[in-house]
Amino acid sequence: MEDVERWWNGAWGRLARRDVWLRKDGDHWEVEALAGGVEGHSNTWKFFCEPDARAFLDRLLDDGRGGWRRLTVGAWGRRDRKEQPDRGGP
C-alpha cells in the first residue's frame, strides 16, 4: 500500500487531532481517518477507483472547521505512526 496523500487538521492534543491518509495499492484505493493521535481510533474505507476515494476524502475534510493541511508523505507515513512517539505535531 502506497501513501499518496496525508492531511492533518492542524489541531494539537489527542482529543482534537485528526489525520487522514489516501493510499493506493495497484488499482485499489483506501482512505484512513485517525482521530486522537497515535493512541486514537481509526477507520478505513476501501474503493475501486481514485475518483470515489477522492470524493470521500473531500467529504472527510469538509468538516466545517477548516484548518486542514496537506503534509508531505514520507517520514510521517502510516507505517511509521506506531513507531513514532506522539509529539503533538504532524
C-alpha atoms as a PDB file:
ATOM      1  CA  MET A   1       0.000   0.000   0.000  1.00  0.00           C
ATOM      2  CA  GLU A   2       1.480   3.343  -1.069  1.00  0.00           C
ATOM      3  CA  ASP A   3       0.729   6.565   0.822  1.00  0.00           C
ATOM      4  CA  VAL A   4      -0.444   9.110  -1.770  1.00  0.00           C
ATOM      5  CA  GLU A   5      -1.572  11.995   0.458  1.00  0.00           C
ATOM      6  CA  ARG A   6      -1.777  12.802   4.143  1.00  0.00           C
ATOM      7  CA  TRP A   7      -3.833  15.529   5.792  1.00  0.00           C
ATOM      8  CA  TRP A   8      -3.791  16.899   9.350  1.00  0.00           C
ATOM      9  CA  ASN A   9      -6.448  19.163  10.839  1.00  0.00           C
ATOM     10  CA  GLY A  10      -3.869  21.437  12.484  1.00  0.00           C
ATOM     11  CA  ALA A  11      -5.139  20.708  15.987  1.00  0.00           C
ATOM     12  CA  TRP A  12      -2.808  19.733  18.829  1.00  0.00           C
ATOM     13  CA  GLY A  13      -3.689  17.229  21.512  1.00  0.00           C
ATOM     14  CA  ARG A  14      -5.205  13.797  21.489  1.00  0.00           C
ATOM     15  CA  LEU A  15      -8.820  14.950  21.769  1.00  0.00           C
ATOM     16  CA  ALA A  16      -8.757  17.378  18.840  1.00  0.00           C
ATOM     17  CA  ARG A  17      -6.202  15.914  16.452  1.00  0.00           C
ATOM     18  CA  ARG A  18      -7.363  14.305  13.199  1.00  0.00           C
ATOM     19  CA  ASP A  19      -5.283  12.732  10.417  1.00  0.00           C
ATOM     20  CA  VAL A  20      -6.454  11.390   7.061  1.00  0.00           C
ATOM     21  CA  TRP A  21      -4.483   9.276   4.576  1.00  0.00           C
ATOM     22  CA  LEU A  22      -5.189   8.477   0.932  1.00  0.00           C
ATOM     23  CA  ARG A  23      -3.485   5.264  -0.199  1.00  0.00           C
ATOM     24  CA  LYS A  24      -3.164   3.237  -3.377  1.00  0.00           C
ATOM     25  CA  ASP A  25      -2.432  -0.438  -3.965  1.00  0.00           C
ATOM     26  CA  GLY A  26      -2.464  -1.229  -7.654  1.00  0.00           C
ATOM     27  CA  ASP A  27      -5.984  -0.402  -8.828  1.00  0.00           C
ATOM     28  CA  HIS A  28      -7.424  -0.252  -5.304  1.00  0.00           C
ATOM     29  CA  TRP A  29      -7.643   2.828  -3.103  1.00  0.00           C
ATOM     30  CA  GLU A  30      -8.278   3.390   0.584  1.00  0.00           C
ATOM     31  CA  VAL A  31      -8.914   6.310   2.896  1.00  0.00           C
ATOM     32  CA  GLU A  32      -7.989   6.080   6.574  1.00  0.00           C
ATOM     33  CA  ALA A  33      -9.212   8.590   9.154  1.00  0.00           C
ATOM     34  CA  LEU A  34      -7.490   8.699  12.537  1.00  0.00           C
ATOM     35  CA  ALA A  35      -8.927  10.585  15.498  1.00  0.00           C
ATOM     36  CA  GLY A  36      -6.849  11.239  18.579  1.00  0.00           C
ATOM     37  CA  GLY A  37      -3.221  10.772  17.575  1.00  0.00           C
ATOM     38  CA  VAL A  38      -1.157   7.605  17.914  1.00  0.00           C
ATOM     39  CA  GLU A  39      -3.383   6.060  20.560  1.00  0.00           C
ATOM     40  CA  GLY A  40      -6.593   7.168  18.876  1.00  0.00           C
ATOM     41  CA  HIS A  41      -9.207   5.345  16.840  1.00  0.00           C
ATOM     42  CA  SER A  42      -9.019   4.829  13.082  1.00  0.00           C
ATOM     43  CA  ASN A  43     -11.460   3.813  10.375  1.00  0.00           C
ATOM     44  CA  THR A  44     -10.538   2.656   6.881  1.00  0.00           C
ATOM     45  CA  TRP A  45     -12.698   2.689   3.743  1.00  0.00           C
ATOM     46  CA  LYS A  46     -11.782   0.870   0.520  1.00  0.00           C
ATOM     47  CA  PHE A  47     -12.576   1.991  -3.039  1.00  0.00           C
ATOM     48  CA  PHE A  48     -12.200   0.545  -6.519  1.00  0.00           C
ATOM     49  CA  CYS A  49     -11.317   3.847  -8.208  1.00  0.00           C
ATOM     50  CA  GLU A  50      -9.480   7.066  -7.436  1.00  0.00           C
ATOM     51  CA  PRO A  51     -12.432   9.447  -8.067  1.00  0.00           C
ATOM     52  CA  ASP A  52     -14.565   7.661  -5.447  1.00  0.00           C
ATOM     53  CA  ALA A  53     -11.707   7.662  -2.917  1.00  0.00           C
ATOM     54  CA  ARG A  54     -11.014  11.367  -3.502  1.00  0.00           C
ATOM     55  CA  ALA A  55     -14.709  12.248  -3.233  1.00  0.00           C
ATOM     56  CA  PHE A  56     -14.854  10.506   0.145  1.00  0.00           C
ATOM     57  CA  LEU A  57     -11.621  12.218   1.235  1.00  0.00           C
ATOM     58  CA  ASP A  58     -13.161  15.586   0.303  1.00  0.00           C
ATOM     59  CA  ARG A  59     -16.201  14.823   2.458  1.00  0.00           C
ATOM     60  CA  LEU A  60     -13.977  13.996   5.436  1.00  0.00           C
ATOM     61  CA  LEU A  61     -12.007  17.236   5.015  1.00  0.00           C
ATOM     62  CA  ASP A  62     -15.190  19.310   4.686  1.00  0.00           C
ATOM     63  CA  ASP A  63     -15.871  19.218   8.424  1.00  0.00           C
ATOM     64  CA  GLY A  64     -16.965  22.848   8.803  1.00  0.00           C
ATOM     65  CA  ARG A  65     -13.913  23.756  10.878  1.00  0.00           C
ATOM     66  CA  GLY A  66     -11.241  24.047   8.206  1.00  0.00           C
ATOM     67  CA  GLY A  67      -7.580  24.229   9.069  1.00  0.00           C
ATOM     68  CA  TRP A  68      -6.676  21.045   7.193  1.00  0.00           C
ATOM     69  CA  ARG A  69      -3.067  20.914   5.995  1.00  0.00           C
ATOM     70  CA  ARG A  70      -1.652  18.607   3.389  1.00  0.00           C
ATOM     71  CA  LEU A  71       1.534  17.053   4.744  1.00  0.00           C
ATOM     72  CA  THR A  72       4.460  15.581   2.875  1.00  0.00           C
ATOM     73  CA  VAL A  73       4.106  11.832   2.592  1.00  0.00           C
ATOM     74  CA  GLY A  74       7.199  10.017   3.789  1.00  0.00           C
ATOM     75  CA  ALA A  75       8.680  10.218   7.257  1.00  0.00           C
ATOM     76  CA  TRP A  76       5.217  10.558   8.821  1.00  0.00           C
ATOM     77  CA  GLY A  77       3.546   7.871   6.697  1.00  0.00           C
ATOM     78  CA  ARG A  78       1.085   5.392   8.231  1.00  0.00           C
ATOM     79  CA  ARG A  79       3.647   2.669   8.744  1.00  0.00           C
ATOM     80  CA  ASP A  80       5.798   4.983  10.887  1.00  0.00           C
ATOM     81  CA  ARG A  81       2.923   6.185  13.052  1.00  0.00           C
ATOM     82  CA  LYS A  82       3.031   3.464  15.701  1.00  0.00           C
ATOM     83  CA  GLU A  83       6.812   3.649  15.971  1.00  0.00           C
ATOM     84  CA  GLN A  84       6.963   7.425  16.465  1.00  0.00           C
ATOM     85  CA  PRO A  85       6.077   8.975  19.815  1.00  0.00           C
ATOM     86  CA  ASP A  86       3.176  11.405  19.526  1.00  0.00           C
ATOM     87  CA  ARG A  87       4.730  14.809  19.992  1.00  0.00           C
ATOM     88  CA  GLY A  88       1.543  16.599  19.024  1.00  0.00           C
ATOM     89  CA  GLY A  89       2.888  17.694  15.638  1.00  0.00           C
ATOM     90  CA  PRO A  90       2.470  16.337  12.166  1.00  0.00           C
END
